[in-house]
Full PDB file with SEQRES, HELIX, SHEET, SSBOND, CRYST1, ORIGX, SCALE, CONECT and MASTER records, all heavy atoms in Angstrom:
SEQRES   1 A   38  GLU LEU ARG VAL GLU GLY GLY ILE LEU ARG PRO ARG VAL          
SEQRES   2 A   38  GLU SER LEU ARG VAL GLY GLY ARG ASP GLN THR LYS LEU          
SEQRES   3 A   38  VAL ASP GLY VAL GLN SER GLN VAL GLU LYS VAL ALA              
HELIX    1 AA1 THR A   24  VAL A   37  1                                  14    
SHEET    1 AA1 3 LEU A   2  GLU A   5  0                                        
SHEET    2 AA1 3 VAL A  13  VAL A  18 -1                                        
SHEET    3 AA1 3 ARG A  21  ASP A  22 -1                                        
CRYST1    1.000    1.000    1.000  90.00  90.00  90.00 P 1           1          
ORIGX1      1.000000  0.000000  0.000000        0.00000                         
ORIGX2      0.000000  1.000000  0.000000        0.00000                         
ORIGX3      0.000000  0.000000  1.000000        0.00000                         
SCALE1      1.000000  0.000000  0.000000        0.00000                         
SCALE2      0.000000  1.000000  0.000000        0.00000                         
SCALE3      0.000000  0.000000  1.000000        0.00000                         
ATOM      1  N   GLU A   1       1.440   3.068   4.932  1.00  0.00           N  
ATOM      2  CA  GLU A   1       1.803   2.674   3.501  1.00  0.00           C  
ATOM      3  C   GLU A   1       0.890   1.639   2.821  1.00  0.00           C  
ATOM      4  O   GLU A   1       0.339   0.851   3.545  1.00  0.00           O  
ATOM      5  CB  GLU A   1       3.241   2.115   3.590  1.00  0.00           C  
ATOM      6  CG  GLU A   1       4.274   3.114   4.015  1.00  0.00           C  
ATOM      7  CD  GLU A   1       5.657   2.381   4.182  1.00  0.00           C  
ATOM      8  OE1 GLU A   1       5.749   1.362   4.922  1.00  0.00           O  
ATOM      9  OE2 GLU A   1       6.633   2.867   3.464  1.00  0.00           O  
ATOM     10  N   LEU A   2       0.832   1.648   1.556  1.00  0.00           N  
ATOM     11  CA  LEU A   2       0.040   0.743   0.795  1.00  0.00           C  
ATOM     12  C   LEU A   2       0.993  -0.358   0.320  1.00  0.00           C  
ATOM     13  O   LEU A   2       2.052  -0.088  -0.338  1.00  0.00           O  
ATOM     14  CB  LEU A   2      -0.658   1.381  -0.425  1.00  0.00           C  
ATOM     15  CG  LEU A   2      -1.333   0.548  -1.422  1.00  0.00           C  
ATOM     16  CD1 LEU A   2      -2.435  -0.331  -0.869  1.00  0.00           C  
ATOM     17  CD2 LEU A   2      -1.759   1.264  -2.678  1.00  0.00           C  
ATOM     18  N   ARG A   3       0.586  -1.630   0.512  1.00  0.00           N  
ATOM     19  CA  ARG A   3       1.382  -2.673   0.019  1.00  0.00           C  
ATOM     20  C   ARG A   3       0.437  -3.499  -1.048  1.00  0.00           C  
ATOM     21  O   ARG A   3      -0.657  -3.857  -0.682  1.00  0.00           O  
ATOM     22  CB  ARG A   3       1.827  -3.689   1.044  1.00  0.00           C  
ATOM     23  CG  ARG A   3       2.553  -4.942   0.451  1.00  0.00           C  
ATOM     24  CD  ARG A   3       3.201  -5.749   1.589  1.00  0.00           C  
ATOM     25  NE  ARG A   3       4.389  -5.051   2.237  1.00  0.00           N  
ATOM     26  CZ  ARG A   3       5.185  -5.518   3.065  1.00  0.00           C  
ATOM     27  NH1 ARG A   3       4.988  -6.802   3.434  1.00  0.00           N  
ATOM     28  NH2 ARG A   3       6.150  -4.849   3.629  1.00  0.00           N  
ATOM     29  N   VAL A   4       1.044  -3.662  -2.226  1.00  0.00           N  
ATOM     30  CA  VAL A   4       0.262  -4.396  -3.257  1.00  0.00           C  
ATOM     31  C   VAL A   4       1.022  -5.726  -3.662  1.00  0.00           C  
ATOM     32  O   VAL A   4       2.225  -5.665  -3.961  1.00  0.00           O  
ATOM     33  CB  VAL A   4       0.103  -3.522  -4.512  1.00  0.00           C  
ATOM     34  CG1 VAL A   4      -0.616  -4.340  -5.572  1.00  0.00           C  
ATOM     35  CG2 VAL A   4      -0.683  -2.352  -4.131  1.00  0.00           C  
ATOM     36  N   GLU A   5       0.362  -6.815  -3.590  1.00  0.00           N  
ATOM     37  CA  GLU A   5       0.973  -8.109  -3.930  1.00  0.00           C  
ATOM     38  C   GLU A   5       0.078  -8.774  -5.036  1.00  0.00           C  
ATOM     39  O   GLU A   5      -1.036  -8.570  -5.159  1.00  0.00           O  
ATOM     40  CB  GLU A   5       1.021  -9.041  -2.659  1.00  0.00           C  
ATOM     41  CG  GLU A   5       1.912  -8.460  -1.637  1.00  0.00           C  
ATOM     42  CD  GLU A   5       1.914  -9.318  -0.365  1.00  0.00           C  
ATOM     43  OE1 GLU A   5       0.785  -9.814   0.007  1.00  0.00           O  
ATOM     44  OE2 GLU A   5       2.942  -9.417   0.264  1.00  0.00           O  
ATOM     45  N   GLY A   6       0.751  -9.610  -5.847  1.00  0.00           N  
ATOM     46  CA  GLY A   6       0.124 -10.224  -6.973  1.00  0.00           C  
ATOM     47  C   GLY A   6      -0.010  -9.301  -8.094  1.00  0.00           C  
ATOM     48  O   GLY A   6       0.668  -8.222  -8.238  1.00  0.00           O  
ATOM     49  N   GLY A   7      -0.830  -9.531  -9.067  1.00  0.00           N  
ATOM     50  CA  GLY A   7      -1.072  -8.644 -10.213  1.00  0.00           C  
ATOM     51  C   GLY A   7      -1.268  -9.483 -11.538  1.00  0.00           C  
ATOM     52  O   GLY A   7      -2.401  -9.846 -11.700  1.00  0.00           O  
ATOM     53  N   ILE A   8      -0.205  -9.842 -12.210  1.00  0.00           N  
ATOM     54  CA  ILE A   8      -0.416 -10.360 -13.498  1.00  0.00           C  
ATOM     55  C   ILE A   8      -0.726 -11.913 -13.465  1.00  0.00           C  
ATOM     56  O   ILE A   8      -1.848 -12.277 -13.988  1.00  0.00           O  
ATOM     57  CB  ILE A   8       0.880 -10.269 -14.386  1.00  0.00           C  
ATOM     58  CG1 ILE A   8       1.212  -8.814 -14.556  1.00  0.00           C  
ATOM     59  CG2 ILE A   8       0.762 -10.997 -15.710  1.00  0.00           C  
ATOM     60  CD1 ILE A   8       2.476  -8.560 -15.379  1.00  0.00           C  
ATOM     61  N   LEU A   9      -0.039 -12.677 -12.714  1.00  0.00           N  
ATOM     62  CA  LEU A   9      -0.350 -14.066 -12.595  1.00  0.00           C  
ATOM     63  C   LEU A   9      -1.128 -14.403 -11.350  1.00  0.00           C  
ATOM     64  O   LEU A   9      -1.701 -15.492 -11.251  1.00  0.00           O  
ATOM     65  CB  LEU A   9       1.010 -14.838 -12.531  1.00  0.00           C  
ATOM     66  CG  LEU A   9       1.860 -14.671 -13.788  1.00  0.00           C  
ATOM     67  CD1 LEU A   9       3.192 -15.455 -13.619  1.00  0.00           C  
ATOM     68  CD2 LEU A   9       1.203 -15.195 -15.074  1.00  0.00           C  
ATOM     69  N   ARG A  10      -1.202 -13.596 -10.388  1.00  0.00           N  
ATOM     70  CA  ARG A  10      -1.865 -13.812  -9.207  1.00  0.00           C  
ATOM     71  C   ARG A  10      -2.926 -12.672  -8.937  1.00  0.00           C  
ATOM     72  O   ARG A  10      -2.741 -11.553  -9.416  1.00  0.00           O  
ATOM     73  CB  ARG A  10      -1.008 -13.954  -7.966  1.00  0.00           C  
ATOM     74  CG  ARG A  10      -0.065 -15.101  -7.993  1.00  0.00           C  
ATOM     75  CD  ARG A  10       0.747 -15.136  -6.739  1.00  0.00           C  
ATOM     76  NE  ARG A  10       1.588 -14.049  -6.592  1.00  0.00           N  
ATOM     77  CZ  ARG A  10       2.073 -13.515  -5.446  1.00  0.00           C  
ATOM     78  NH1 ARG A  10       1.680 -14.012  -4.324  1.00  0.00           N  
ATOM     79  NH2 ARG A  10       2.904 -12.429  -5.554  1.00  0.00           N  
ATOM     80  N   PRO A  11      -3.998 -12.882  -8.174  1.00  0.00           N  
ATOM     81  CA  PRO A  11      -4.979 -11.866  -7.947  1.00  0.00           C  
ATOM     82  C   PRO A  11      -4.200 -10.701  -7.146  1.00  0.00           C  
ATOM     83  O   PRO A  11      -3.313 -10.996  -6.322  1.00  0.00           O  
ATOM     84  CB  PRO A  11      -6.013 -12.455  -7.036  1.00  0.00           C  
ATOM     85  CG  PRO A  11      -5.864 -13.993  -7.355  1.00  0.00           C  
ATOM     86  CD  PRO A  11      -4.445 -14.204  -7.624  1.00  0.00           C  
ATOM     87  N   ARG A  12      -4.569  -9.443  -7.450  1.00  0.00           N  
ATOM     88  CA  ARG A  12      -4.010  -8.263  -6.799  1.00  0.00           C  
ATOM     89  C   ARG A  12      -4.569  -8.210  -5.396  1.00  0.00           C  
ATOM     90  O   ARG A  12      -5.830  -8.225  -5.250  1.00  0.00           O  
ATOM     91  CB  ARG A  12      -4.427  -7.053  -7.598  1.00  0.00           C  
ATOM     92  CG  ARG A  12      -3.924  -5.701  -6.950  1.00  0.00           C  
ATOM     93  CD  ARG A  12      -4.509  -4.569  -7.673  1.00  0.00           C  
ATOM     94  NE  ARG A  12      -4.316  -3.275  -6.992  1.00  0.00           N  
ATOM     95  CZ  ARG A  12      -3.285  -2.449  -7.210  1.00  0.00           C  
ATOM     96  NH1 ARG A  12      -2.363  -2.831  -8.144  1.00  0.00           N  
ATOM     97  NH2 ARG A  12      -3.161  -1.366  -6.548  1.00  0.00           N  
ATOM     98  N   VAL A  13      -3.753  -8.068  -4.484  1.00  0.00           N  
ATOM     99  CA  VAL A  13      -4.084  -8.033  -3.058  1.00  0.00           C  
ATOM    100  C   VAL A  13      -3.484  -6.658  -2.462  1.00  0.00           C  
ATOM    101  O   VAL A  13      -2.275  -6.488  -2.517  1.00  0.00           O  
ATOM    102  CB  VAL A  13      -3.676  -9.279  -2.252  1.00  0.00           C  
ATOM    103  CG1 VAL A  13      -4.043  -9.137  -0.826  1.00  0.00           C  
ATOM    104  CG2 VAL A  13      -4.273 -10.486  -2.818  1.00  0.00           C  
ATOM    105  N   GLU A  14      -4.400  -5.802  -1.896  1.00  0.00           N  
ATOM    106  CA  GLU A  14      -3.937  -4.667  -1.327  1.00  0.00           C  
ATOM    107  C   GLU A  14      -4.028  -4.746   0.222  1.00  0.00           C  
ATOM    108  O   GLU A  14      -4.944  -5.383   0.766  1.00  0.00           O  
ATOM    109  CB  GLU A  14      -4.815  -3.448  -1.726  1.00  0.00           C  
ATOM    110  CG  GLU A  14      -4.771  -3.150  -3.192  1.00  0.00           C  
ATOM    111  CD  GLU A  14      -5.617  -1.950  -3.603  1.00  0.00           C  
ATOM    112  OE1 GLU A  14      -6.452  -1.588  -2.763  1.00  0.00           O  
ATOM    113  OE2 GLU A  14      -5.477  -1.505  -4.721  1.00  0.00           O  
ATOM    114  N   SER A  15      -3.037  -4.185   0.888  1.00  0.00           N  
ATOM    115  CA  SER A  15      -3.010  -4.248   2.410  1.00  0.00           C  
ATOM    116  C   SER A  15      -2.464  -2.932   2.941  1.00  0.00           C  
ATOM    117  O   SER A  15      -1.727  -2.179   2.194  1.00  0.00           O  
ATOM    118  CB  SER A  15      -2.168  -5.428   2.947  1.00  0.00           C  
ATOM    119  OG  SER A  15      -0.822  -5.312   2.539  1.00  0.00           O  
ATOM    120  N   LEU A  16      -2.844  -2.641   4.104  1.00  0.00           N  
ATOM    121  CA  LEU A  16      -2.331  -1.406   4.818  1.00  0.00           C  
ATOM    122  C   LEU A  16      -1.326  -1.825   5.722  1.00  0.00           C  
ATOM    123  O   LEU A  16      -1.515  -2.631   6.669  1.00  0.00           O  
ATOM    124  CB  LEU A  16      -3.514  -0.769   5.537  1.00  0.00           C  
ATOM    125  CG  LEU A  16      -3.191   0.382   6.369  1.00  0.00           C  
ATOM    126  CD1 LEU A  16      -2.673   1.592   5.643  1.00  0.00           C  
ATOM    127  CD2 LEU A  16      -4.425   0.802   7.214  1.00  0.00           C  
ATOM    128  N   ARG A  17      -0.169  -1.067   5.713  1.00  0.00           N  
ATOM    129  CA  ARG A  17       0.914  -1.233   6.710  1.00  0.00           C  
ATOM    130  C   ARG A  17       1.064   0.089   7.402  1.00  0.00           C  
ATOM    131  O   ARG A  17       1.027   1.143   6.848  1.00  0.00           O  
ATOM    132  CB  ARG A  17       2.214  -1.552   5.909  1.00  0.00           C  
ATOM    133  CG  ARG A  17       2.140  -2.766   5.113  1.00  0.00           C  
ATOM    134  CD  ARG A  17       2.204  -4.075   5.950  1.00  0.00           C  
ATOM    135  NE  ARG A  17       1.847  -5.218   5.155  1.00  0.00           N  
ATOM    136  CZ  ARG A  17       2.236  -6.460   5.429  1.00  0.00           C  
ATOM    137  NH1 ARG A  17       2.951  -6.669   6.504  1.00  0.00           N  
ATOM    138  NH2 ARG A  17       1.788  -7.506   4.670  1.00  0.00           N  
ATOM    139  N   VAL A  18       1.242   0.012   8.721  1.00  0.00           N  
ATOM    140  CA  VAL A  18       1.468   1.148   9.543  1.00  0.00           C  
ATOM    141  C   VAL A  18       2.750   0.943  10.433  1.00  0.00           C  
ATOM    142  O   VAL A  18       2.780  -0.070  11.263  1.00  0.00           O  
ATOM    143  CB  VAL A  18       0.338   1.546  10.455  1.00  0.00           C  
ATOM    144  CG1 VAL A  18       0.581   2.822  11.245  1.00  0.00           C  
ATOM    145  CG2 VAL A  18      -0.928   1.705   9.583  1.00  0.00           C  
ATOM    146  N   GLY A  19       3.769   1.664  10.125  1.00  0.00           N  
ATOM    147  CA  GLY A  19       5.031   1.403  10.838  1.00  0.00           C  
ATOM    148  C   GLY A  19       5.637  -0.033  10.520  1.00  0.00           C  
ATOM    149  O   GLY A  19       6.211  -0.604  11.352  1.00  0.00           O  
ATOM    150  N   GLY A  20       5.208  -0.497   9.348  1.00  0.00           N  
ATOM    151  CA  GLY A  20       5.789  -1.784   8.910  1.00  0.00           C  
ATOM    152  C   GLY A  20       4.930  -2.980   9.334  1.00  0.00           C  
ATOM    153  O   GLY A  20       5.128  -4.061   8.912  1.00  0.00           O  
ATOM    154  N   ARG A  21       3.856  -2.722  10.089  1.00  0.00           N  
ATOM    155  CA  ARG A  21       3.030  -3.784  10.588  1.00  0.00           C  
ATOM    156  C   ARG A  21       1.675  -3.783   9.782  1.00  0.00           C  
ATOM    157  O   ARG A  21       1.137  -2.790   9.380  1.00  0.00           O  
ATOM    158  CB  ARG A  21       2.637  -3.698  12.068  1.00  0.00           C  
ATOM    159  CG  ARG A  21       3.876  -3.741  12.989  1.00  0.00           C  
ATOM    160  CD  ARG A  21       3.524  -3.618  14.403  1.00  0.00           C  
ATOM    161  NE  ARG A  21       2.691  -4.783  14.808  1.00  0.00           N  
ATOM    162  CZ  ARG A  21       2.181  -4.906  16.051  1.00  0.00           C  
ATOM    163  NH1 ARG A  21       2.433  -3.959  16.997  1.00  0.00           N  
ATOM    164  NH2 ARG A  21       1.470  -5.922  16.345  1.00  0.00           N  
ATOM    165  N   ASP A  22       1.238  -5.014   9.514  1.00  0.00           N  
ATOM    166  CA  ASP A  22      -0.048  -5.176   8.840  1.00  0.00           C  
ATOM    167  C   ASP A  22      -1.280  -4.649   9.757  1.00  0.00           C  
ATOM    168  O   ASP A  22      -1.498  -5.238  10.772  1.00  0.00           O  
ATOM    169  CB  ASP A  22      -0.301  -6.608   8.443  1.00  0.00           C  
ATOM    170  CG  ASP A  22      -1.458  -6.775   7.465  1.00  0.00           C  
ATOM    171  OD1 ASP A  22      -2.189  -5.855   7.292  1.00  0.00           O  
ATOM    172  OD2 ASP A  22      -1.595  -8.028   6.943  1.00  0.00           O  
ATOM    173  N   GLN A  23      -1.951  -3.667   9.217  1.00  0.00           N  
ATOM    174  CA  GLN A  23      -3.029  -3.073   9.894  1.00  0.00           C  
ATOM    175  C   GLN A  23      -4.346  -3.058   8.981  1.00  0.00           C  
ATOM    176  O   GLN A  23      -5.140  -2.126   8.995  1.00  0.00           O  
ATOM    177  CB  GLN A  23      -2.768  -1.621  10.379  1.00  0.00           C  
ATOM    178  CG  GLN A  23      -1.690  -1.562  11.469  1.00  0.00           C  
ATOM    179  CD  GLN A  23      -2.076  -2.236  12.773  1.00  0.00           C  
ATOM    180  OE1 GLN A  23      -3.290  -2.460  13.005  1.00  0.00           O  
ATOM    181  NE2 GLN A  23      -1.232  -2.383  13.669  1.00  0.00           N  
ATOM    182  N   THR A  24      -4.410  -4.052   8.067  1.00  0.00           N  
ATOM    183  CA  THR A  24      -5.470  -4.091   7.203  1.00  0.00           C  
ATOM    184  C   THR A  24      -6.854  -4.231   7.868  1.00  0.00           C  
ATOM    185  O   THR A  24      -7.860  -3.848   7.270  1.00  0.00           O  
ATOM    186  CB  THR A  24      -5.300  -5.218   6.099  1.00  0.00           C  
ATOM    187  OG1 THR A  24      -4.018  -5.143   5.605  1.00  0.00           O  
ATOM    188  CG2 THR A  24      -6.356  -5.212   4.944  1.00  0.00           C  
ATOM    189  N   LYS A  25      -6.869  -4.655   9.144  1.00  0.00           N  
ATOM    190  CA  LYS A  25      -8.044  -4.813   9.792  1.00  0.00           C  
ATOM    191  C   LYS A  25      -8.748  -3.392  10.009  1.00  0.00           C  
ATOM    192  O   LYS A  25      -9.978  -3.341  10.116  1.00  0.00           O  
ATOM    193  CB  LYS A  25      -7.772  -5.438  11.207  1.00  0.00           C  
ATOM    194  CG  LYS A  25      -6.827  -4.630  12.115  1.00  0.00           C  
ATOM    195  CD  LYS A  25      -6.599  -5.296  13.471  1.00  0.00           C  
ATOM    196  CE  LYS A  25      -5.640  -4.439  14.279  1.00  0.00           C  
ATOM    197  NZ  LYS A  25      -5.362  -5.078  15.562  1.00  0.00           N  
ATOM    198  N   LEU A  26      -7.983  -2.393   9.962  1.00  0.00           N  
ATOM    199  CA  LEU A  26      -8.521  -0.985  10.119  1.00  0.00           C  
ATOM    200  C   LEU A  26      -9.337  -0.743   8.841  1.00  0.00           C  
ATOM    201  O   LEU A  26     -10.486  -0.096   8.933  1.00  0.00           O  
ATOM    202  CB  LEU A  26      -7.459  -0.012  10.259  1.00  0.00           C  
ATOM    203  CG  LEU A  26      -6.510  -0.087  11.397  1.00  0.00           C  
ATOM    204  CD1 LEU A  26      -5.428   0.944  11.496  1.00  0.00           C  
ATOM    205  CD2 LEU A  26      -7.292  -0.175  12.774  1.00  0.00           C  
ATOM    206  N   VAL A  27      -8.927  -1.176   7.719  1.00  0.00           N  
ATOM    207  CA  VAL A  27      -9.708  -0.995   6.444  1.00  0.00           C  
ATOM    208  C   VAL A  27     -10.921  -1.752   6.536  1.00  0.00           C  
ATOM    209  O   VAL A  27     -12.008  -1.202   6.127  1.00  0.00           O  
ATOM    210  CB  VAL A  27      -8.802  -1.407   5.230  1.00  0.00           C  
ATOM    211  CG1 VAL A  27      -9.627  -1.286   3.981  1.00  0.00           C  
ATOM    212  CG2 VAL A  27      -7.458  -0.628   5.187  1.00  0.00           C  
ATOM    213  N   ASP A  28     -10.936  -2.943   6.993  1.00  0.00           N  
ATOM    214  CA  ASP A  28     -12.135  -3.782   7.111  1.00  0.00           C  
ATOM    215  C   ASP A  28     -13.093  -3.066   8.002  1.00  0.00           C  
ATOM    216  O   ASP A  28     -14.377  -3.165   7.720  1.00  0.00           O  
ATOM    217  CB  ASP A  28     -11.730  -5.158   7.710  1.00  0.00           C  
ATOM    218  CG  ASP A  28     -10.810  -5.982   6.942  1.00  0.00           C  
ATOM    219  OD1 ASP A  28     -10.786  -5.722   5.665  1.00  0.00           O  
ATOM    220  OD2 ASP A  28     -10.080  -6.850   7.404  1.00  0.00           O  
ATOM    221  N   GLY A  29     -12.707  -2.438   9.152  1.00  0.00           N  
ATOM    222  CA  GLY A  29     -13.604  -1.809   9.985  1.00  0.00           C  
ATOM    223  C   GLY A  29     -14.307  -0.592   9.223  1.00  0.00           C  
ATOM    224  O   GLY A  29     -15.524  -0.416   9.431  1.00  0.00           O  
ATOM    225  N   VAL A  30     -13.590   0.122   8.542  1.00  0.00           N  
ATOM    226  CA  VAL A  30     -14.210   1.336   7.843  1.00  0.00           C  
ATOM    227  C   VAL A  30     -15.151   0.849   6.782  1.00  0.00           C  
ATOM    228  O   VAL A  30     -16.276   1.439   6.581  1.00  0.00           O  
ATOM    229  CB  VAL A  30     -13.144   2.249   7.233  1.00  0.00           C  
ATOM    230  CG1 VAL A  30     -13.731   3.458   6.532  1.00  0.00           C  
ATOM    231  CG2 VAL A  30     -12.236   2.777   8.360  1.00  0.00           C  
ATOM    232  N   GLN A  31     -14.847  -0.196   6.021  1.00  0.00           N  
ATOM    233  CA  GLN A  31     -15.689  -0.740   4.990  1.00  0.00           C  
ATOM    234  C   GLN A  31     -17.030  -1.193   5.653  1.00  0.00           C  
ATOM    235  O   GLN A  31     -18.043  -0.989   5.049  1.00  0.00           O  
ATOM    236  CB  GLN A  31     -15.033  -1.936   4.325  1.00  0.00           C  
ATOM    237  CG  GLN A  31     -13.915  -1.548   3.409  1.00  0.00           C  
ATOM    238  CD  GLN A  31     -13.281  -2.769   2.763  1.00  0.00           C  
ATOM    239  OE1 GLN A  31     -13.118  -3.817   3.349  1.00  0.00           O  
ATOM    240  NE2 GLN A  31     -12.846  -2.667   1.461  1.00  0.00           N  
ATOM    241  N   SER A  32     -16.971  -1.829   6.747  1.00  0.00           N  
ATOM    242  CA  SER A  32     -18.146  -2.254   7.460  1.00  0.00           C  
ATOM    243  C   SER A  32     -19.034  -0.999   7.876  1.00  0.00           C  
ATOM    244  O   SER A  32     -20.308  -0.950   7.732  1.00  0.00           O  
ATOM    245  CB  SER A  32     -17.860  -3.024   8.750  1.00  0.00           C  
ATOM    246  OG  SER A  32     -18.993  -3.315   9.510  1.00  0.00           O  
ATOM    247  N   GLN A  33     -18.385   0.119   8.284  1.00  0.00           N  
ATOM    248  CA  GLN A  33     -19.039   1.270   8.705  1.00  0.00           C  
ATOM    249  C   GLN A  33     -19.722   1.987   7.443  1.00  0.00           C  
ATOM    250  O   GLN A  33     -20.858   2.438   7.506  1.00  0.00           O  
ATOM    251  CB  GLN A  33     -18.075   2.307   9.337  1.00  0.00           C  
ATOM    252  CG  GLN A  33     -17.584   1.787  10.681  1.00  0.00           C  
ATOM    253  CD  GLN A  33     -16.529   2.771  11.339  1.00  0.00           C  
ATOM    254  OE1 GLN A  33     -16.268   3.875  10.782  1.00  0.00           O  
ATOM    255  NE2 GLN A  33     -15.856   2.294  12.311  1.00  0.00           N  
ATOM    256  N   VAL A  34     -19.032   1.999   6.388  1.00  0.00           N  
ATOM    257  CA  VAL A  34     -19.600   2.589   5.155  1.00  0.00           C  
ATOM    258  C   VAL A  34     -20.804   1.794   4.724  1.00  0.00           C  
ATOM    259  O   VAL A  34     -21.909   2.442   4.322  1.00  0.00           O  
ATOM    260  CB  VAL A  34     -18.534   2.474   3.906  1.00  0.00           C  
ATOM    261  CG1 VAL A  34     -19.084   2.844   2.634  1.00  0.00           C  
ATOM    262  CG2 VAL A  34     -17.330   3.456   4.321  1.00  0.00           C  
ATOM    263  N   GLU A  35     -20.866   0.524   4.786  1.00  0.00           N  
ATOM    264  CA  GLU A  35     -21.886  -0.328   4.368  1.00  0.00           C  
ATOM    265  C   GLU A  35     -23.144  -0.014   5.255  1.00  0.00           C  
ATOM    266  O   GLU A  35     -24.311   0.179   4.811  1.00  0.00           O  
ATOM    267  CB  GLU A  35     -21.626  -1.770   4.566  1.00  0.00           C  
ATOM    268  CG  GLU A  35     -20.597  -2.294   3.439  1.00  0.00           C  
ATOM    269  CD  GLU A  35     -20.286  -3.747   3.730  1.00  0.00           C  
ATOM    270  OE1 GLU A  35     -20.789  -4.305   4.662  1.00  0.00           O  
ATOM    271  OE2 GLU A  35     -19.411  -4.331   2.887  1.00  0.00           O  
ATOM    272  N   LYS A  36     -22.892   0.161   6.583  1.00  0.00           N  
ATOM    273  CA  LYS A  36     -24.045   0.471   7.429  1.00  0.00           C  
ATOM    274  C   LYS A  36     -24.553   1.903   7.283  1.00  0.00           C  
ATOM    275  O   LYS A  36     -25.819   2.091   7.302  1.00  0.00           O  
ATOM    276  CB  LYS A  36     -23.520   0.355   8.955  1.00  0.00           C  
ATOM    277  CG  LYS A  36     -23.376  -1.183   9.372  1.00  0.00           C  
ATOM    278  CD  LYS A  36     -22.885  -1.237  10.772  1.00  0.00           C  
ATOM    279  CE  LYS A  36     -22.813  -2.662  11.229  1.00  0.00           C  
ATOM    280  NZ  LYS A  36     -21.908  -3.536  10.373  1.00  0.00           N  
ATOM    281  N   VAL A  37     -23.747   2.911   6.960  1.00  0.00           N  
ATOM    282  CA  VAL A  37     -24.117   4.258   6.657  1.00  0.00           C  
ATOM    283  C   VAL A  37     -24.891   4.263   5.410  1.00  0.00           C  
ATOM    284  O   VAL A  37     -26.011   4.852   5.273  1.00  0.00           O  
ATOM    285  CB  VAL A  37     -22.947   5.237   6.719  1.00  0.00           C  
ATOM    286  CG1 VAL A  37     -23.464   6.535   6.189  1.00  0.00           C  
ATOM    287  CG2 VAL A  37     -22.391   5.317   8.097  1.00  0.00           C  
ATOM    288  N   ALA A  38     -24.416   3.636   4.321  1.00  0.00           N  
ATOM    289  CA  ALA A  38     -25.052   3.524   3.113  1.00  0.00           C  
ATOM    290  C   ALA A  38     -26.461   2.917   3.194  1.00  0.00           C  
ATOM    291  O   ALA A  38     -27.465   3.383   2.646  1.00  0.00           O  
ATOM    292  CB  ALA A  38     -24.234   2.847   2.017  1.00  0.00           C  
TER     293      ALA A  38                                                      
MASTER        0    0    0    1    3    0    0    6  292    1    0    3          
END                                                                             
């Protein structure tokens, strides 16, 4: 699931939840791989 916090008064922050647990570290890992491949 995608969780979005903040917005109008605070910076928008997106995070990844899997089974209710924060797994945003998985997103960080893929972003690093994309940078290396690019």
